[in-house]
Amino acid sequence: MRALPDNYPEPKLNNRQYQVLRRLGQGPLPRTECNYVACSTNGPRYIDELRHRFNLTIWTERVSVIARDGRESWIGIYHLLPESRSRAKELLKEFELRDRNK
């Protein structure tokens, strides 16, 4: 990924990114719940955006499960790591201030 110029505007959270980040701040977020929180069928997209646009460290835990068909499968559980918590709080606060002023 190329570095952005110094004068490039800081990215701003959109509503779906905000909802996912707010929920991540409360604790581990399974992928299925991420879809629900984001009102989307592609929750991982918002996790990816939070990682790359906002430089947040989000770890994906892969948990082995047995699917309904009896086969082994994996589910992803997202974790906002401690080193990103203060940045996440800043982003959430900024969104809430911006949203309140609309």
C-alpha atoms as a PDB file:
ATOM      1  CA  MET A   1       0.000   0.000   0.000  1.00  0.00           C
ATOM      2  CA  ARG A   2       1.354   3.449  -0.922  1.00  0.00           C
ATOM      3  CA  ALA A   3       1.812   6.129   1.705  1.00  0.00           C
ATOM      4  CA  LEU A   4      -0.587   9.050   1.464  1.00  0.00           C
ATOM      5  CA  PRO A   5       0.753  12.595   1.071  1.00  0.00           C
ATOM      6  CA  ASP A   6       1.100  14.614   4.307  1.00  0.00           C
ATOM      7  CA  ASN A   7      -1.687  16.993   3.271  1.00  0.00           C
ATOM      8  CA  TYR A   8      -4.168  14.155   2.565  1.00  0.00           C
ATOM      9  CA  PRO A   9      -7.249  14.471   4.804  1.00  0.00           C
ATOM     10  CA  GLU A  10      -7.578  12.102   7.770  1.00  0.00           C
ATOM     11  CA  PRO A  11     -10.122   9.351   7.000  1.00  0.00           C
ATOM     12  CA  LYS A  12     -13.444   9.556   8.834  1.00  0.00           C
ATOM     13  CA  LEU A  13     -15.519   6.647  10.133  1.00  0.00           C
ATOM     14  CA  ASN A  14     -18.757   5.928   8.336  1.00  0.00           C
ATOM     15  CA  ASN A  15     -21.801   4.609  10.214  1.00  0.00           C
ATOM     16  CA  ARG A  16     -21.064   0.921   9.616  1.00  0.00           C
ATOM     17  CA  GLN A  17     -17.416   1.272  10.613  1.00  0.00           C
ATOM     18  CA  TYR A  18     -18.547   3.136  13.723  1.00  0.00           C
ATOM     19  CA  GLN A  19     -21.006   0.391  14.729  1.00  0.00           C
ATOM     20  CA  VAL A  20     -18.404  -2.354  14.265  1.00  0.00           C
ATOM     21  CA  LEU A  21     -15.698  -0.429  16.136  1.00  0.00           C
ATOM     22  CA  ARG A  22     -18.060   0.442  18.982  1.00  0.00           C
ATOM     23  CA  ARG A  23     -18.960  -3.241  19.373  1.00  0.00           C
ATOM     24  CA  LEU A  24     -15.301  -4.322  19.125  1.00  0.00           C
ATOM     25  CA  GLY A  25     -14.532  -2.008  22.031  1.00  0.00           C
ATOM     26  CA  GLN A  26     -16.895  -4.079  24.188  1.00  0.00           C
ATOM     27  CA  GLY A  27     -14.992  -7.329  23.649  1.00  0.00           C
ATOM     28  CA  PRO A  28     -14.467 -10.188  21.177  1.00  0.00           C
ATOM     29  CA  LEU A  29     -16.696  -9.995  18.094  1.00  0.00           C
ATOM     30  CA  PRO A  30     -17.615 -13.185  16.188  1.00  0.00           C
ATOM     31  CA  ARG A  31     -17.847 -12.788  12.425  1.00  0.00           C
ATOM     32  CA  THR A  32     -21.585 -13.607  12.364  1.00  0.00           C
ATOM     33  CA  GLU A  33     -22.261 -10.869  14.906  1.00  0.00           C
ATOM     34  CA  CYS A  34     -20.005  -8.519  12.939  1.00  0.00           C
ATOM     35  CA  ASN A  35     -22.288  -9.001   9.937  1.00  0.00           C
ATOM     36  CA  TYR A  36     -25.315  -8.200  12.107  1.00  0.00           C
ATOM     37  CA  VAL A  37     -23.734  -5.118  13.714  1.00  0.00           C
ATOM     38  CA  ALA A  38     -22.629  -3.783  10.318  1.00  0.00           C
ATOM     39  CA  CYS A  39     -26.059  -4.479   8.770  1.00  0.00           C
ATOM     40  CA  SER A  40     -24.135  -6.352   6.093  1.00  0.00           C
ATOM     41  CA  THR A  41     -23.322  -9.833   4.876  1.00  0.00           C
ATOM     42  CA  ASN A  42     -19.672  -8.852   4.547  1.00  0.00           C
ATOM     43  CA  GLY A  43     -18.565  -7.834   8.028  1.00  0.00           C
ATOM     44  CA  PRO A  44     -14.909  -8.684   7.320  1.00  0.00           C
ATOM     45  CA  ARG A  45     -14.843  -5.775   4.863  1.00  0.00           C
ATOM     46  CA  TYR A  46     -15.359  -3.351   7.748  1.00  0.00           C
ATOM     47  CA  ILE A  47     -12.727  -5.085   9.864  1.00  0.00           C
ATOM     48  CA  ASP A  48     -10.308  -4.731   6.936  1.00  0.00           C
ATOM     49  CA  GLU A  49     -11.169  -1.032   6.553  1.00  0.00           C
ATOM     50  CA  LEU A  50     -10.603  -0.427  10.269  1.00  0.00           C
ATOM     51  CA  ARG A  51      -7.242  -2.157  10.028  1.00  0.00           C
ATOM     52  CA  HIS A  52      -5.964  -0.437   6.908  1.00  0.00           C
ATOM     53  CA  ARG A  53      -7.627   2.988   6.758  1.00  0.00           C
ATOM     54  CA  PHE A  54      -7.452   3.685  10.479  1.00  0.00           C
ATOM     55  CA  ASN A  55      -4.340   1.658  11.423  1.00  0.00           C
ATOM     56  CA  LEU A  56      -6.093  -0.323  14.143  1.00  0.00           C
ATOM     57  CA  THR A  57      -4.658  -3.630  15.289  1.00  0.00           C
ATOM     58  CA  ILE A  58      -7.432  -6.223  15.151  1.00  0.00           C
ATOM     59  CA  TRP A  59      -6.526  -9.861  15.665  1.00  0.00           C
ATOM     60  CA  THR A  60      -8.598 -12.638  14.103  1.00  0.00           C
ATOM     61  CA  GLU A  61      -8.843 -15.738  16.248  1.00  0.00           C
ATOM     62  CA  ARG A  62      -9.693 -18.849  14.252  1.00  0.00           C
ATOM     63  CA  VAL A  63     -11.823 -21.271  16.232  1.00  0.00           C
ATOM     64  CA  SER A  64     -12.493 -24.807  15.048  1.00  0.00           C
ATOM     65  CA  VAL A  65     -16.175 -25.784  15.011  1.00  0.00           C
ATOM     66  CA  ILE A  66     -18.325 -28.594  13.654  1.00  0.00           C
ATOM     67  CA  ALA A  67     -20.731 -27.227  11.055  1.00  0.00           C
ATOM     68  CA  ARG A  68     -24.373 -28.299  10.695  1.00  0.00           C
ATOM     69  CA  ASP A  69     -23.352 -30.838   8.061  1.00  0.00           C
ATOM     70  CA  GLY A  70     -21.016 -32.510  10.567  1.00  0.00           C
ATOM     71  CA  ARG A  71     -17.807 -31.283   8.926  1.00  0.00           C
ATOM     72  CA  GLU A  72     -15.043 -29.388  10.644  1.00  0.00           C
ATOM     73  CA  SER A  73     -14.996 -25.684   9.861  1.00  0.00           C
ATOM     74  CA  TRP A  74     -13.640 -22.416  11.270  1.00  0.00           C
ATOM     75  CA  ILE A  75     -15.205 -19.271  12.596  1.00  0.00           C
ATOM     76  CA  GLY A  76     -13.406 -15.983  13.033  1.00  0.00           C
ATOM     77  CA  ILE A  77     -13.563 -13.950  16.229  1.00  0.00           C
ATOM     78  CA  TYR A  78     -12.183 -10.416  16.056  1.00  0.00           C
ATOM     79  CA  HIS A  79     -10.296  -8.802  18.952  1.00  0.00           C
ATOM     80  CA  LEU A  80      -9.305  -5.138  19.206  1.00  0.00           C
ATOM     81  CA  LEU A  81      -5.821  -5.284  20.692  1.00  0.00           C
ATOM     82  CA  PRO A  82      -4.804  -3.061  23.638  1.00  0.00           C
ATOM     83  CA  GLU A  83      -2.383  -0.945  21.586  1.00  0.00           C
ATOM     84  CA  SER A  84      -5.320   0.265  19.447  1.00  0.00           C
ATOM     85  CA  ARG A  85      -7.834   1.023  22.202  1.00  0.00           C
ATOM     86  CA  SER A  86      -6.929   4.701  22.661  1.00  0.00           C
ATOM     87  CA  ARG A  87      -7.017   5.323  18.890  1.00  0.00           C
ATOM     88  CA  ALA A  88     -10.394   3.541  18.709  1.00  0.00           C
ATOM     89  CA  LYS A  89     -11.788   5.764  21.472  1.00  0.00           C
ATOM     90  CA  GLU A  90     -10.590   8.875  19.622  1.00  0.00           C
ATOM     91  CA  LEU A  91     -12.276   7.729  16.403  1.00  0.00           C
ATOM     92  CA  LEU A  92     -15.548   6.922  18.178  1.00  0.00           C
ATOM     93  CA  LYS A  93     -15.594  10.266  19.989  1.00  0.00           C
ATOM     94  CA  GLU A  94     -14.854  12.140  16.747  1.00  0.00           C
ATOM     95  CA  PHE A  95     -17.709  10.334  14.968  1.00  0.00           C
ATOM     96  CA  GLU A  96     -20.137  11.054  17.817  1.00  0.00           C
ATOM     97  CA  LEU A  97     -19.243  14.764  17.811  1.00  0.00           C
ATOM     98  CA  ARG A  98     -19.565  14.976  14.043  1.00  0.00           C
ATOM     99  CA  ASP A  99     -22.866  13.063  14.083  1.00  0.00           C
ATOM    100  CA  ARG A 100     -24.277  15.286  16.852  1.00  0.00           C
ATOM    101  CA  ASN A 101     -23.474  18.415  14.833  1.00  0.00           C
ATOM    102  CA  LYS A 102     -25.344  17.295  11.713  1.00  0.00           C
END
